[in-house]
Amino acid sequence: MSLAINPDKVTAVLLADGWHRVDNFYIDSYEFVYPCDNGTGMDFDVPHGGGQYGICASGFTAEVMDDAGTVRLSAPLTSVLAVKHDIPR
């Protein structure tokens, strides 16, 4: 048996503060970056790359509604306690 979850079908995530309805849920490397022009052709500097210092390298990002309107939420994947997702019928 697999607990397969299609990220394209995720409709909500459970975080420590409760459920959040989400759109455009993506999973990728979790990094902090600064925009820069360092002459290397890169357009950002990575002060903390995914997996540095033993911190989880996998993260997620999604669009959520809050009091300010639609915002982007990004966090380590380990902060997700559960997901709601559509299943094929």
C-alpha atoms as a PDB file:
ATOM      1  CA  MET A   1       0.000   0.000   0.000  1.00  0.00           C
ATOM      2  CA  SER A   2       1.143   3.519  -0.748  1.00  0.00           C
ATOM      3  CA  LEU A   3       0.123   6.769   0.872  1.00  0.00           C
ATOM      4  CA  ALA A   4       0.608   8.528  -2.454  1.00  0.00           C
ATOM      5  CA  ILE A   5      -0.322  12.210  -2.493  1.00  0.00           C
ATOM      6  CA  ASN A   6      -0.364  14.190  -5.725  1.00  0.00           C
ATOM      7  CA  PRO A   7       0.830  17.734  -4.808  1.00  0.00           C
ATOM      8  CA  ASP A   8      -1.332  19.099  -7.652  1.00  0.00           C
ATOM      9  CA  LYS A   9      -4.422  17.837  -5.781  1.00  0.00           C
ATOM     10  CA  VAL A  10      -3.618  19.257  -2.304  1.00  0.00           C
ATOM     11  CA  THR A  11      -6.416  21.619  -1.199  1.00  0.00           C
ATOM     12  CA  ALA A  12      -5.449  22.275   2.443  1.00  0.00           C
ATOM     13  CA  VAL A  13      -2.582  21.749   4.881  1.00  0.00           C
ATOM     14  CA  LEU A  14      -2.703  21.277   8.638  1.00  0.00           C
ATOM     15  CA  LEU A  15      -0.044  23.329  10.399  1.00  0.00           C
ATOM     16  CA  ALA A  16       0.447  23.909  14.133  1.00  0.00           C
ATOM     17  CA  ASP A  17      -2.070  26.785  14.073  1.00  0.00           C
ATOM     18  CA  GLY A  18      -4.800  24.897  12.182  1.00  0.00           C
ATOM     19  CA  TRP A  19      -6.000  24.129   8.656  1.00  0.00           C
ATOM     20  CA  HIS A  20      -5.102  26.414   5.741  1.00  0.00           C
ATOM     21  CA  ARG A  21      -6.812  26.223   2.344  1.00  0.00           C
ATOM     22  CA  VAL A  22      -4.119  26.318  -0.343  1.00  0.00           C
ATOM     23  CA  ASP A  23      -3.720  26.759  -4.076  1.00  0.00           C
ATOM     24  CA  ASN A  24      -0.644  25.936  -6.170  1.00  0.00           C
ATOM     25  CA  PHE A  25       1.009  23.621  -3.627  1.00  0.00           C
ATOM     26  CA  TYR A  26       4.629  22.795  -4.553  1.00  0.00           C
ATOM     27  CA  ILE A  27       7.406  20.757  -2.909  1.00  0.00           C
ATOM     28  CA  ASP A  28      11.060  21.561  -3.509  1.00  0.00           C
ATOM     29  CA  SER A  29      14.321  22.416  -1.767  1.00  0.00           C
ATOM     30  CA  TYR A  30      13.791  24.830   1.120  1.00  0.00           C
ATOM     31  CA  GLU A  31      16.321  27.689   0.986  1.00  0.00           C
ATOM     32  CA  PHE A  32      16.685  31.286   2.057  1.00  0.00           C
ATOM     33  CA  VAL A  33      18.054  33.516  -0.714  1.00  0.00           C
ATOM     34  CA  TYR A  34      18.938  37.176  -1.295  1.00  0.00           C
ATOM     35  CA  PRO A  35      18.737  38.817  -4.723  1.00  0.00           C
ATOM     36  CA  CYS A  36      22.188  39.933  -5.845  1.00  0.00           C
ATOM     37  CA  ASP A  37      24.521  40.462  -8.751  1.00  0.00           C
ATOM     38  CA  ASN A  38      27.707  38.625  -7.813  1.00  0.00           C
ATOM     39  CA  GLY A  39      29.187  38.370 -11.303  1.00  0.00           C
ATOM     40  CA  THR A  40      28.650  34.601 -11.532  1.00  0.00           C
ATOM     41  CA  GLY A  41      25.455  34.758 -13.553  1.00  0.00           C
ATOM     42  CA  MET A  42      23.425  33.799 -10.499  1.00  0.00           C
ATOM     43  CA  ASP A  43      20.742  36.264  -9.533  1.00  0.00           C
ATOM     44  CA  PHE A  44      20.638  35.269  -5.853  1.00  0.00           C
ATOM     45  CA  ASP A  45      22.913  34.508  -2.932  1.00  0.00           C
ATOM     46  CA  VAL A  46      22.068  31.453  -0.789  1.00  0.00           C
ATOM     47  CA  PRO A  47      22.927  32.169   2.872  1.00  0.00           C
ATOM     48  CA  HIS A  48      21.146  28.970   3.943  1.00  0.00           C
ATOM     49  CA  GLY A  49      20.802  26.093   1.505  1.00  0.00           C
ATOM     50  CA  GLY A  50      18.503  23.140   1.952  1.00  0.00           C
ATOM     51  CA  GLY A  51      19.944  20.575   4.333  1.00  0.00           C
ATOM     52  CA  GLN A  52      22.618  22.833   5.864  1.00  0.00           C
ATOM     53  CA  TYR A  53      23.189  22.419   9.603  1.00  0.00           C
ATOM     54  CA  GLY A  54      20.973  19.320   9.715  1.00  0.00           C
ATOM     55  CA  ILE A  55      17.838  21.282   8.874  1.00  0.00           C
ATOM     56  CA  CYS A  56      15.273  19.578   6.633  1.00  0.00           C
ATOM     57  CA  ALA A  57      16.047  20.184   2.962  1.00  0.00           C
ATOM     58  CA  SER A  58      12.472  19.591   1.770  1.00  0.00           C
ATOM     59  CA  GLY A  59       9.935  22.359   1.947  1.00  0.00           C
ATOM     60  CA  PHE A  60       6.645  23.453   0.483  1.00  0.00           C
ATOM     61  CA  THR A  61       5.172  26.643  -0.830  1.00  0.00           C
ATOM     62  CA  ALA A  62       1.542  27.473  -1.559  1.00  0.00           C
ATOM     63  CA  GLU A  63      -0.837  30.393  -1.961  1.00  0.00           C
ATOM     64  CA  VAL A  64      -3.106  30.959   1.056  1.00  0.00           C
ATOM     65  CA  MET A  65      -5.728  33.541   1.982  1.00  0.00           C
ATOM     66  CA  ASP A  66      -5.168  35.672   5.079  1.00  0.00           C
ATOM     67  CA  ASP A  67      -6.335  39.086   6.298  1.00  0.00           C
ATOM     68  CA  ALA A  68      -4.057  40.790   3.741  1.00  0.00           C
ATOM     69  CA  GLY A  69      -5.459  38.772   0.824  1.00  0.00           C
ATOM     70  CA  THR A  70      -3.614  36.071  -1.062  1.00  0.00           C
ATOM     71  CA  VAL A  71      -0.063  35.511   0.192  1.00  0.00           C
ATOM     72  CA  ARG A  72       2.610  32.873  -0.407  1.00  0.00           C
ATOM     73  CA  LEU A  73       3.345  30.558   2.506  1.00  0.00           C
ATOM     74  CA  SER A  74       6.643  28.631   2.526  1.00  0.00           C
ATOM     75  CA  ALA A  75       7.863  26.298   5.261  1.00  0.00           C
ATOM     76  CA  PRO A  76       9.797  23.095   5.901  1.00  0.00           C
ATOM     77  CA  LEU A  77       7.849  20.036   4.819  1.00  0.00           C
ATOM     78  CA  THR A  78       8.181  18.690   8.366  1.00  0.00           C
ATOM     79  CA  SER A  79       5.812  21.462   9.569  1.00  0.00           C
ATOM     80  CA  VAL A  80       2.921  19.868   7.665  1.00  0.00           C
ATOM     81  CA  LEU A  81       0.926  17.631  10.025  1.00  0.00           C
ATOM     82  CA  ALA A  82      -1.649  16.498   7.421  1.00  0.00           C
ATOM     83  CA  VAL A  83      -2.957  17.384   3.967  1.00  0.00           C
ATOM     84  CA  LYS A  84      -6.377  17.329   2.376  1.00  0.00           C
ATOM     85  CA  HIS A  85      -6.337  16.323  -1.269  1.00  0.00           C
ATOM     86  CA  ASP A  86      -8.732  15.338  -3.990  1.00  0.00           C
ATOM     87  CA  ILE A  87      -8.875  11.653  -4.797  1.00  0.00           C
ATOM     88  CA  PRO A  88      -9.872  10.167  -8.145  1.00  0.00           C
ATOM     89  CA  ARG A  89     -13.387   8.742  -8.291  1.00  0.00           C
END
